[in-house]
Amino acid sequence: MFQIDLIAARPRTHRLIGEDIELILSLERPLRLVKADPAQIAQVLINLCVNARDAMPRGGKLTITNCNAVFDGGGEGGAPGPSPDRLVA
């Protein structure tokens, strides 16, 4: 279990997206701990930034937001869904 630290990743992320794209971090603190591979989370963020950069060749804004969330477990139209849980989104 670890806490995702997007602020620590900011310098590396900024280098990936370049000068023409403004990086905006909207971060909730404190976040719940997550059970995930930190390297995979980092790779997801890298892929997100690269895809955003490629989609904005003339520049723009990339906003990354996180939050603690509660999933109620309800499926659409009364269909059974996954179990309720507390998540980091």
N, C-alpha and C. Protein backbone atom coordinates (compact mmCIF):
# COMPACT_ATOMS: atom_id res chain seq x y z
N MET A 1 0.85 -1.17 0.00
CA MET A 1 0.00 0.00 0.00
C MET A 1 0.90 1.24 0.00
N PHE A 2 0.53 2.20 -0.82
CA PHE A 2 1.30 3.44 -0.87
C PHE A 2 0.37 4.59 -1.23
N GLN A 3 0.86 5.79 -1.05
CA GLN A 3 0.10 6.98 -1.40
C GLN A 3 0.68 7.55 -2.69
N ILE A 4 -0.18 7.81 -3.65
CA ILE A 4 0.26 8.36 -4.94
C ILE A 4 0.67 9.82 -4.74
N ASP A 5 1.87 10.17 -5.18
CA ASP A 5 2.38 11.53 -5.02
C ASP A 5 2.58 12.16 -6.40
N LEU A 6 1.56 12.86 -6.90
CA LEU A 6 1.65 13.48 -8.21
C LEU A 6 2.54 14.72 -8.20
N ILE A 7 2.68 15.35 -7.06
CA ILE A 7 3.53 16.54 -6.98
C ILE A 7 4.99 16.16 -7.23
N ALA A 8 5.41 15.02 -6.71
CA ALA A 8 6.79 14.58 -6.93
C ALA A 8 7.04 14.25 -8.39
N ALA A 9 6.01 13.84 -9.11
CA ALA A 9 6.15 13.47 -10.52
C ALA A 9 6.07 14.68 -11.46
N ARG A 10 5.74 15.85 -10.92
CA ARG A 10 5.52 17.03 -11.76
C ARG A 10 6.72 17.40 -12.64
N PRO A 11 7.95 17.48 -12.12
CA PRO A 11 9.07 17.88 -12.99
C PRO A 11 9.27 16.92 -14.17
N ARG A 12 9.17 15.63 -13.92
CA ARG A 12 9.33 14.64 -14.99
C ARG A 12 8.20 14.76 -16.00
N THR A 13 6.98 14.97 -15.51
CA THR A 13 5.82 15.10 -16.37
C THR A 13 5.94 16.36 -17.22
N HIS A 14 6.40 17.45 -16.63
CA HIS A 14 6.54 18.71 -17.37
C HIS A 14 7.54 18.57 -18.51
N ARG A 15 8.60 17.83 -18.30
CA ARG A 15 9.57 17.60 -19.37
C ARG A 15 8.95 16.82 -20.52
N LEU A 16 8.05 15.90 -20.22
CA LEU A 16 7.41 15.09 -21.26
C LEU A 16 6.48 15.91 -22.14
N ILE A 17 5.74 16.82 -21.55
CA ILE A 17 4.71 17.53 -22.32
C ILE A 17 5.24 18.77 -23.02
N GLY A 18 6.38 19.29 -22.60
CA GLY A 18 6.96 20.44 -23.28
C GLY A 18 6.46 21.76 -22.74
N GLU A 19 6.95 22.84 -23.34
CA GLU A 19 6.68 24.19 -22.87
C GLU A 19 5.33 24.73 -23.34
N ASP A 20 4.76 24.19 -24.41
CA ASP A 20 3.53 24.73 -24.98
C ASP A 20 2.26 24.26 -24.25
N ILE A 21 2.42 23.30 -23.36
CA ILE A 21 1.27 22.76 -22.64
C ILE A 21 1.41 23.09 -21.17
N GLU A 22 0.36 23.71 -20.64
CA GLU A 22 0.34 24.07 -19.22
C GLU A 22 -0.18 22.87 -18.42
N LEU A 23 0.58 22.45 -17.42
CA LEU A 23 0.19 21.34 -16.56
C LEU A 23 -0.47 21.90 -15.31
N ILE A 24 -1.71 21.49 -15.07
CA ILE A 24 -2.46 21.93 -13.90
C ILE A 24 -2.76 20.70 -13.06
N LEU A 25 -2.33 20.71 -11.79
CA LEU A 25 -2.61 19.62 -10.87
C LEU A 25 -3.65 20.10 -9.86
N SER A 26 -4.76 19.38 -9.79
CA SER A 26 -5.81 19.67 -8.83
C SER A 26 -5.89 18.46 -7.90
N LEU A 27 -5.20 18.55 -6.78
CA LEU A 27 -4.97 17.37 -5.95
C LEU A 27 -5.68 17.46 -4.60
N GLU A 28 -6.33 16.39 -4.23
CA GLU A 28 -6.95 16.29 -2.92
C GLU A 28 -5.96 15.66 -1.96
N ARG A 29 -5.90 16.21 -0.77
CA ARG A 29 -5.02 15.67 0.27
C ARG A 29 -5.79 15.55 1.55
N PRO A 30 -5.58 14.56 2.37
CA PRO A 30 -4.76 13.39 2.07
C PRO A 30 -5.56 12.37 1.28
N LEU A 31 -4.87 11.66 0.42
CA LEU A 31 -5.49 10.57 -0.34
C LEU A 31 -5.40 9.27 0.46
N ARG A 32 -6.36 8.39 0.22
CA ARG A 32 -6.27 7.06 0.81
C ARG A 32 -5.09 6.32 0.21
N LEU A 33 -4.61 5.34 0.93
CA LEU A 33 -3.56 4.48 0.40
C LEU A 33 -4.15 3.60 -0.70
N VAL A 34 -3.34 3.27 -1.70
CA VAL A 34 -3.79 2.40 -2.78
C VAL A 34 -2.92 1.16 -2.84
N LYS A 35 -3.52 0.08 -3.30
CA LYS A 35 -2.79 -1.17 -3.49
C LYS A 35 -2.57 -1.31 -5.00
N ALA A 36 -1.38 -0.93 -5.45
CA ALA A 36 -1.06 -0.94 -6.87
C ALA A 36 0.45 -0.95 -7.02
N ASP A 37 0.90 -1.27 -8.20
CA ASP A 37 2.33 -1.24 -8.51
C ASP A 37 2.71 0.21 -8.84
N PRO A 38 3.57 0.84 -8.04
CA PRO A 38 3.94 2.24 -8.31
C PRO A 38 4.50 2.45 -9.72
N ALA A 39 5.23 1.48 -10.24
CA ALA A 39 5.78 1.62 -11.60
C ALA A 39 4.66 1.64 -12.64
N GLN A 40 3.62 0.86 -12.43
CA GLN A 40 2.49 0.86 -13.37
C GLN A 40 1.71 2.17 -13.29
N ILE A 41 1.54 2.70 -12.09
CA ILE A 41 0.86 4.00 -11.94
C ILE A 41 1.67 5.08 -12.65
N ALA A 42 2.98 5.06 -12.49
CA ALA A 42 3.85 6.03 -13.17
C ALA A 42 3.72 5.89 -14.68
N GLN A 43 3.67 4.66 -15.18
CA GLN A 43 3.53 4.43 -16.62
C GLN A 43 2.20 4.95 -17.15
N VAL A 44 1.13 4.78 -16.37
CA VAL A 44 -0.18 5.31 -16.75
C VAL A 44 -0.11 6.83 -16.89
N LEU A 45 0.53 7.50 -15.93
CA LEU A 45 0.65 8.95 -15.98
C LEU A 45 1.49 9.40 -17.17
N ILE A 46 2.56 8.68 -17.45
CA ILE A 46 3.41 9.00 -18.60
C ILE A 46 2.60 8.87 -19.89
N ASN A 47 1.85 7.77 -20.03
CA ASN A 47 1.05 7.56 -21.23
C ASN A 47 -0.02 8.65 -21.39
N LEU A 48 -0.65 9.03 -20.28
CA LEU A 48 -1.65 10.09 -20.31
C LEU A 48 -1.02 11.39 -20.81
N CYS A 49 0.14 11.74 -20.29
CA CYS A 49 0.81 12.98 -20.69
C CYS A 49 1.25 12.96 -22.15
N VAL A 50 1.79 11.85 -22.59
CA VAL A 50 2.24 11.74 -23.98
C VAL A 50 1.05 11.83 -24.93
N ASN A 51 -0.04 11.13 -24.60
CA ASN A 51 -1.23 11.19 -25.45
C ASN A 51 -1.81 12.60 -25.49
N ALA A 52 -1.82 13.28 -24.35
CA ALA A 52 -2.32 14.65 -24.31
C ALA A 52 -1.44 15.56 -25.15
N ARG A 53 -0.13 15.41 -25.03
CA ARG A 53 0.81 16.22 -25.82
C ARG A 53 0.57 16.02 -27.32
N ASP A 54 0.41 14.76 -27.73
CA ASP A 54 0.20 14.46 -29.14
C ASP A 54 -1.14 15.00 -29.65
N ALA A 55 -2.13 15.10 -28.75
CA ALA A 55 -3.45 15.59 -29.13
C ALA A 55 -3.52 17.12 -29.17
N MET A 56 -2.48 17.78 -28.64
CA MET A 56 -2.48 19.26 -28.60
C MET A 56 -1.20 19.79 -29.23
N PRO A 57 -1.04 19.64 -30.54
CA PRO A 57 0.21 20.06 -31.16
C PRO A 57 0.48 21.56 -31.07
N ARG A 58 -0.58 22.37 -30.87
CA ARG A 58 -0.39 23.83 -30.75
C ARG A 58 -0.39 24.27 -29.29
N GLY A 59 -0.36 23.33 -28.38
CA GLY A 59 -0.35 23.67 -26.96
C GLY A 59 -1.75 23.63 -26.37
N GLY A 60 -1.82 23.85 -25.07
CA GLY A 60 -3.10 23.83 -24.38
C GLY A 60 -2.88 23.61 -22.89
N LYS A 61 -3.92 23.10 -22.24
CA LYS A 61 -3.86 22.83 -20.81
C LYS A 61 -4.14 21.36 -20.56
N LEU A 62 -3.32 20.75 -19.73
CA LEU A 62 -3.53 19.37 -19.27
C LEU A 62 -3.80 19.45 -17.78
N THR A 63 -5.00 19.06 -17.38
CA THR A 63 -5.38 19.08 -15.97
C THR A 63 -5.47 17.65 -15.46
N ILE A 64 -4.74 17.37 -14.39
CA ILE A 64 -4.79 16.06 -13.74
C ILE A 64 -5.40 16.28 -12.36
N THR A 65 -6.48 15.56 -12.08
CA THR A 65 -7.20 15.70 -10.83
C THR A 65 -7.28 14.34 -10.14
N ASN A 66 -7.18 14.34 -8.83
CA ASN A 66 -7.41 13.10 -8.09
C ASN A 66 -8.32 13.40 -6.91
N CYS A 67 -8.93 12.36 -6.36
CA CYS A 67 -9.81 12.55 -5.20
C CYS A 67 -10.09 11.21 -4.55
N ASN A 68 -10.51 11.27 -3.30
CA ASN A 68 -11.04 10.10 -2.63
C ASN A 68 -12.50 9.98 -3.06
N ALA A 69 -12.95 8.79 -3.39
CA ALA A 69 -14.31 8.59 -3.86
C ALA A 69 -14.92 7.38 -3.18
N VAL A 70 -16.24 7.35 -3.14
CA VAL A 70 -16.97 6.21 -2.60
C VAL A 70 -17.84 5.67 -3.73
N PHE A 71 -17.65 4.40 -4.07
CA PHE A 71 -18.45 3.73 -5.09
C PHE A 71 -19.57 2.99 -4.39
N ASP A 72 -20.81 3.26 -4.77
CA ASP A 72 -21.95 2.67 -4.06
C ASP A 72 -22.28 1.25 -4.48
N GLY A 73 -21.66 0.76 -5.55
CA GLY A 73 -21.87 -0.62 -5.97
C GLY A 73 -23.07 -0.84 -6.86
N GLY A 74 -23.85 0.18 -7.08
CA GLY A 74 -25.05 0.03 -7.89
C GLY A 74 -24.74 -0.04 -9.37
N GLY A 75 -25.33 -1.02 -10.03
CA GLY A 75 -25.17 -1.13 -11.48
C GLY A 75 -26.22 -0.29 -12.18
N GLU A 76 -26.03 -0.04 -13.46
CA GLU A 76 -26.96 0.76 -14.23
C GLU A 76 -28.26 0.00 -14.45
N GLY A 77 -29.38 0.67 -14.32
CA GLY A 77 -30.67 0.05 -14.58
C GLY A 77 -31.00 -1.09 -13.63
N GLY A 78 -30.48 -1.05 -12.42
CA GLY A 78 -30.77 -2.08 -11.43
C GLY A 78 -29.93 -3.34 -11.59
N ALA A 79 -29.01 -3.35 -12.57
CA ALA A 79 -28.15 -4.53 -12.75
C ALA A 79 -27.16 -4.60 -11.60
N PRO A 80 -26.81 -5.80 -11.16
CA PRO A 80 -25.82 -5.92 -10.08
C PRO A 80 -24.47 -5.38 -10.54
N GLY A 81 -23.80 -4.67 -9.66
CA GLY A 81 -22.49 -4.11 -9.98
C GLY A 81 -21.45 -4.63 -9.01
N PRO A 82 -20.23 -4.13 -9.13
CA PRO A 82 -19.18 -4.53 -8.19
C PRO A 82 -19.55 -4.11 -6.76
N SER A 83 -18.88 -4.68 -5.80
CA SER A 83 -19.12 -4.38 -4.40
C SER A 83 -18.83 -2.93 -4.10
N PRO A 84 -19.59 -2.32 -3.18
CA PRO A 84 -19.27 -0.94 -2.76
C PRO A 84 -17.86 -0.88 -2.19
N ASP A 85 -17.20 0.25 -2.39
CA ASP A 85 -15.83 0.37 -1.92
C ASP A 85 -15.45 1.84 -1.86
N ARG A 86 -14.38 2.12 -1.12
CA ARG A 86 -13.76 3.44 -1.09
C ARG A 86 -12.59 3.42 -2.04
N LEU A 87 -12.50 4.41 -2.91
CA LEU A 87 -11.52 4.39 -3.99
C LEU A 87 -10.73 5.70 -4.03
N VAL A 88 -9.63 5.67 -4.75
CA VAL A 88 -8.91 6.87 -5.13
C VAL A 88 -9.11 7.00 -6.63
N ALA A 89 -9.66 8.13 -7.05
CA ALA A 89 -9.94 8.34 -8.48
C ALA A 89 -9.07 9.45 -9.02
